[in-house]
Amino acid sequence: MSMQNLFEMESRGTHGRSNGIPINISGGCTSECAAAILAAVVVVSAGSAIISGSIVLTGNTVHWLEYQGTCSDGYLNATKQLFIESVNKPKPIPET
């Protein structure tokens, strides 16, 4: 099959008419094309790293909070205990 026949087959619409869409069958890529592809790869990679890092950071934070909340000597339990003790302390009556 020649390249011209391939081009004609690819450019025909569903009813056998040409749809006028040019198809690049040379396989080349210009420097603008290469720059656009490189930019897309960089943007997708950076976005993936940011999203993955956010997921890991959130998971680690939740794990730390769960650990601190369940251990009797954990930071959250110690702080909660200090708060409860300060609320339950009798308040001094001001002298008049």
N, C-alpha and C. Protein backbone atom coordinates (compact mmCIF):
# COMPACT_ATOMS: atom_id res chain seq x y z
N MET A 1 0.85 -1.16 0.00
CA MET A 1 0.00 0.00 0.00
C MET A 1 0.91 1.23 0.00
N SER A 2 0.65 2.16 -0.88
CA SER A 2 1.49 3.35 -0.98
C SER A 2 1.08 4.37 0.07
N MET A 3 1.95 5.35 0.29
CA MET A 3 1.66 6.40 1.26
C MET A 3 0.46 7.23 0.83
N GLN A 4 0.29 7.44 -0.48
CA GLN A 4 -0.84 8.23 -0.95
C GLN A 4 -2.15 7.50 -0.66
N ASN A 5 -2.19 6.18 -0.86
CA ASN A 5 -3.40 5.42 -0.55
C ASN A 5 -3.70 5.44 0.95
N LEU A 6 -2.65 5.36 1.76
CA LEU A 6 -2.83 5.42 3.20
C LEU A 6 -3.40 6.77 3.62
N PHE A 7 -2.87 7.84 2.99
CA PHE A 7 -3.38 9.18 3.31
C PHE A 7 -4.84 9.30 2.91
N GLU A 8 -5.20 8.78 1.77
CA GLU A 8 -6.59 8.88 1.30
C GLU A 8 -7.51 8.07 2.20
N MET A 9 -7.06 6.90 2.65
CA MET A 9 -7.90 6.08 3.52
C MET A 9 -8.10 6.76 4.88
N GLU A 10 -7.06 7.37 5.41
CA GLU A 10 -7.15 8.00 6.72
C GLU A 10 -7.95 9.29 6.69
N SER A 11 -7.99 9.97 5.54
CA SER A 11 -8.66 11.25 5.50
C SER A 11 -10.12 11.15 5.08
N ARG A 12 -10.64 9.97 4.84
CA ARG A 12 -12.04 9.82 4.47
C ARG A 12 -12.92 9.79 5.72
N GLY A 13 -14.10 10.40 5.61
CA GLY A 13 -15.04 10.40 6.72
C GLY A 13 -15.81 9.10 6.75
N THR A 14 -16.89 9.06 7.50
CA THR A 14 -17.68 7.84 7.64
C THR A 14 -18.48 7.53 6.38
N HIS A 15 -18.73 8.53 5.54
CA HIS A 15 -19.51 8.31 4.32
C HIS A 15 -18.63 8.23 3.08
N GLY A 16 -17.34 8.07 3.26
CA GLY A 16 -16.44 7.91 2.13
C GLY A 16 -15.98 9.21 1.52
N ARG A 17 -16.35 10.35 2.09
CA ARG A 17 -15.91 11.64 1.57
C ARG A 17 -14.71 12.10 2.38
N SER A 18 -13.91 12.92 1.78
CA SER A 18 -12.76 13.48 2.49
C SER A 18 -13.23 14.51 3.50
N ASN A 19 -12.73 14.43 4.71
CA ASN A 19 -13.13 15.38 5.73
C ASN A 19 -12.20 16.58 5.80
N GLY A 20 -11.17 16.62 4.99
CA GLY A 20 -10.29 17.77 4.91
C GLY A 20 -9.29 17.90 6.04
N ILE A 21 -9.12 16.89 6.86
CA ILE A 21 -8.15 16.94 7.96
C ILE A 21 -6.81 16.44 7.44
N PRO A 22 -5.81 17.31 7.45
CA PRO A 22 -4.50 16.85 6.98
C PRO A 22 -3.85 15.94 8.01
N ILE A 23 -3.19 14.92 7.53
CA ILE A 23 -2.53 13.97 8.41
C ILE A 23 -1.04 14.01 8.11
N ASN A 24 -0.24 14.21 9.13
CA ASN A 24 1.20 14.24 8.97
C ASN A 24 1.70 12.80 9.00
N ILE A 25 2.11 12.31 7.84
CA ILE A 25 2.59 10.93 7.78
C ILE A 25 4.10 10.86 7.66
N SER A 26 4.76 12.02 7.78
CA SER A 26 6.21 12.02 7.65
C SER A 26 6.87 11.52 8.93
N GLY A 27 6.19 11.64 10.07
CA GLY A 27 6.73 11.14 11.33
C GLY A 27 7.72 12.07 11.98
N GLY A 28 7.95 13.25 11.44
CA GLY A 28 8.91 14.18 12.02
C GLY A 28 8.29 15.01 13.13
N CYS A 29 9.15 15.62 13.92
CA CYS A 29 8.70 16.48 15.00
C CYS A 29 9.59 17.72 15.00
N THR A 30 8.98 18.89 14.94
CA THR A 30 9.74 20.13 14.91
C THR A 30 10.23 20.47 16.31
N SER A 31 11.06 21.49 16.42
CA SER A 31 11.57 21.88 17.73
C SER A 31 10.45 22.41 18.62
N GLU A 32 9.44 23.07 18.02
CA GLU A 32 8.29 23.52 18.81
C GLU A 32 7.51 22.33 19.35
N CYS A 33 7.39 21.30 18.53
CA CYS A 33 6.69 20.08 18.96
C CYS A 33 7.45 19.42 20.11
N ALA A 34 8.76 19.33 19.98
CA ALA A 34 9.57 18.70 21.02
C ALA A 34 9.52 19.52 22.31
N ALA A 35 9.51 20.84 22.20
CA ALA A 35 9.43 21.69 23.39
C ALA A 35 8.08 21.53 24.08
N ALA A 36 7.01 21.42 23.29
CA ALA A 36 5.69 21.23 23.88
C ALA A 36 5.58 19.89 24.58
N ILE A 37 6.14 18.86 23.98
CA ILE A 37 6.12 17.53 24.61
C ILE A 37 6.93 17.53 25.90
N LEU A 38 8.11 18.16 25.87
CA LEU A 38 8.95 18.25 27.06
C LEU A 38 8.24 19.03 28.17
N ALA A 39 7.60 20.13 27.81
CA ALA A 39 6.87 20.92 28.80
C ALA A 39 5.73 20.11 29.41
N ALA A 40 5.03 19.35 28.59
CA ALA A 40 3.93 18.52 29.10
C ALA A 40 4.46 17.46 30.05
N VAL A 41 5.58 16.85 29.71
CA VAL A 41 6.16 15.82 30.58
C VAL A 41 6.58 16.43 31.92
N VAL A 42 7.18 17.61 31.88
CA VAL A 42 7.62 18.27 33.12
C VAL A 42 6.42 18.63 33.99
N VAL A 43 5.36 19.18 33.37
CA VAL A 43 4.18 19.58 34.13
C VAL A 43 3.49 18.36 34.75
N VAL A 44 3.35 17.29 34.00
CA VAL A 44 2.71 16.09 34.52
C VAL A 44 3.55 15.47 35.64
N SER A 45 4.86 15.44 35.46
CA SER A 45 5.74 14.88 36.50
C SER A 45 5.69 15.72 37.77
N ALA A 46 5.73 17.02 37.63
CA ALA A 46 5.68 17.89 38.81
C ALA A 46 4.33 17.76 39.52
N GLY A 47 3.26 17.73 38.76
CA GLY A 47 1.94 17.56 39.36
C GLY A 47 1.82 16.23 40.08
N SER A 48 2.35 15.19 39.48
CA SER A 48 2.31 13.87 40.11
C SER A 48 3.10 13.86 41.41
N ALA A 49 4.26 14.51 41.41
CA ALA A 49 5.08 14.55 42.62
C ALA A 49 4.39 15.34 43.73
N ILE A 50 3.75 16.44 43.36
CA ILE A 50 3.05 17.25 44.37
C ILE A 50 1.88 16.49 44.96
N ILE A 51 1.09 15.85 44.11
CA ILE A 51 -0.07 15.10 44.59
C ILE A 51 0.36 13.91 45.43
N SER A 52 1.36 13.17 44.97
CA SER A 52 1.85 12.01 45.73
C SER A 52 2.42 12.44 47.07
N GLY A 53 3.18 13.53 47.07
CA GLY A 53 3.74 14.03 48.32
C GLY A 53 2.67 14.47 49.29
N SER A 54 1.62 15.09 48.77
CA SER A 54 0.52 15.52 49.64
C SER A 54 -0.19 14.33 50.26
N ILE A 55 -0.37 13.28 49.48
CA ILE A 55 -1.03 12.08 50.00
C ILE A 55 -0.17 11.44 51.09
N VAL A 56 1.13 11.35 50.87
CA VAL A 56 2.03 10.76 51.86
C VAL A 56 2.06 11.62 53.13
N LEU A 57 2.13 12.93 52.97
CA LEU A 57 2.16 13.83 54.13
C LEU A 57 0.87 13.72 54.93
N THR A 58 -0.26 13.65 54.26
CA THR A 58 -1.55 13.49 54.95
C THR A 58 -1.60 12.16 55.69
N GLY A 59 -1.15 11.10 55.04
CA GLY A 59 -1.15 9.78 55.68
C GLY A 59 -0.27 9.76 56.91
N ASN A 60 0.91 10.36 56.81
CA ASN A 60 1.82 10.40 57.96
C ASN A 60 1.24 11.22 59.11
N THR A 61 0.59 12.33 58.78
CA THR A 61 -0.02 13.18 59.81
C THR A 61 -1.14 12.44 60.52
N VAL A 62 -1.98 11.75 59.76
CA VAL A 62 -3.08 10.98 60.37
C VAL A 62 -2.51 9.87 61.25
N HIS A 63 -1.47 9.20 60.78
CA HIS A 63 -0.85 8.14 61.58
C HIS A 63 -0.30 8.71 62.89
N TRP A 64 0.39 9.87 62.81
CA TRP A 64 0.94 10.49 64.01
C TRP A 64 -0.17 10.87 64.99
N LEU A 65 -1.26 11.45 64.47
CA LEU A 65 -2.37 11.83 65.33
C LEU A 65 -3.01 10.61 65.99
N GLU A 66 -3.18 9.54 65.22
CA GLU A 66 -3.74 8.31 65.81
C GLU A 66 -2.83 7.77 66.90
N TYR A 67 -1.53 7.78 66.65
CA TYR A 67 -0.57 7.27 67.64
C TYR A 67 -0.60 8.13 68.89
N GLN A 68 -0.57 9.43 68.72
CA GLN A 68 -0.54 10.34 69.87
C GLN A 68 -1.85 10.28 70.65
N GLY A 69 -2.95 10.00 69.97
CA GLY A 69 -4.25 9.95 70.64
C GLY A 69 -4.50 8.66 71.37
N THR A 70 -3.82 7.57 71.00
CA THR A 70 -4.09 6.28 71.63
C THR A 70 -3.08 5.94 72.72
N CYS A 71 -1.91 6.53 72.69
CA CYS A 71 -0.91 6.25 73.72
C CYS A 71 -1.20 7.09 74.95
N SER A 72 -1.08 6.48 76.12
CA SER A 72 -1.38 7.20 77.35
C SER A 72 -0.36 8.31 77.62
N ASP A 73 0.87 8.13 77.16
CA ASP A 73 1.88 9.16 77.37
C ASP A 73 2.10 10.01 76.12
N GLY A 74 1.19 9.91 75.16
CA GLY A 74 1.31 10.68 73.93
C GLY A 74 1.07 12.16 74.15
N TYR A 75 1.52 12.96 73.22
CA TYR A 75 1.43 14.41 73.32
C TYR A 75 -0.02 14.88 73.43
N LEU A 76 -0.90 14.34 72.60
CA LEU A 76 -2.30 14.78 72.62
C LEU A 76 -2.98 14.42 73.93
N ASN A 77 -2.75 13.21 74.43
CA ASN A 77 -3.36 12.82 75.70
C ASN A 77 -2.81 13.63 76.86
N ALA A 78 -1.52 13.91 76.85
CA ALA A 78 -0.94 14.71 77.94
C ALA A 78 -1.50 16.13 77.91
N THR A 79 -1.63 16.71 76.72
CA THR A 79 -2.18 18.06 76.59
C THR A 79 -3.65 18.08 77.00
N LYS A 80 -4.39 17.07 76.59
CA LYS A 80 -5.81 16.98 76.96
C LYS A 80 -5.95 16.87 78.47
N GLN A 81 -5.10 16.07 79.08
CA GLN A 81 -5.16 15.89 80.53
C GLN A 81 -4.85 17.19 81.26
N LEU A 82 -3.85 17.94 80.79
CA LEU A 82 -3.53 19.23 81.40
C LEU A 82 -4.70 20.21 81.26
N PHE A 83 -5.35 20.20 80.12
CA PHE A 83 -6.50 21.07 79.90
C PHE A 83 -7.64 20.72 80.85
N ILE A 84 -7.93 19.43 80.96
CA ILE A 84 -9.02 18.99 81.83
C ILE A 84 -8.72 19.35 83.28
N GLU A 85 -7.46 19.16 83.70
CA GLU A 85 -7.09 19.52 85.07
C GLU A 85 -7.21 21.02 85.32
N SER A 86 -6.86 21.82 84.30
CA SER A 86 -6.95 23.27 84.49
C SER A 86 -8.39 23.74 84.53
N VAL A 87 -9.28 23.07 83.84
CA VAL A 87 -10.70 23.43 83.86
C VAL A 87 -11.33 23.00 85.18
N ASN A 88 -10.93 21.88 85.72
CA ASN A 88 -11.51 21.35 86.95
C ASN A 88 -10.94 21.98 88.22
N LYS A 89 -9.88 22.75 88.11
CA LYS A 89 -9.29 23.40 89.29
C LYS A 89 -10.29 24.40 89.86
N PRO A 90 -10.36 24.49 91.16
CA PRO A 90 -11.24 25.51 91.75
C PRO A 90 -10.67 26.91 91.45
N LYS A 91 -11.54 27.76 91.08
CA LYS A 91 -11.10 29.11 90.71
C LYS A 91 -11.06 29.98 91.98
N PRO A 92 -10.04 30.80 92.10
CA PRO A 92 -9.96 31.66 93.28
C PRO A 92 -11.07 32.72 93.25
N ILE A 93 -11.60 33.00 94.40
CA ILE A 93 -12.66 34.00 94.50
C ILE A 93 -11.97 35.36 94.70
N PRO A 94 -12.28 36.32 93.86
CA PRO A 94 -11.62 37.63 94.01
C PRO A 94 -12.08 38.33 95.28
N GLU A 95 -11.16 38.99 95.92
CA GLU A 95 -11.49 39.73 97.14
C GLU A 95 -12.12 41.05 96.76
N THR A 96 -13.12 41.42 97.48
CA THR A 96 -13.78 42.70 97.21
C THR A 96 -13.50 43.73 98.26
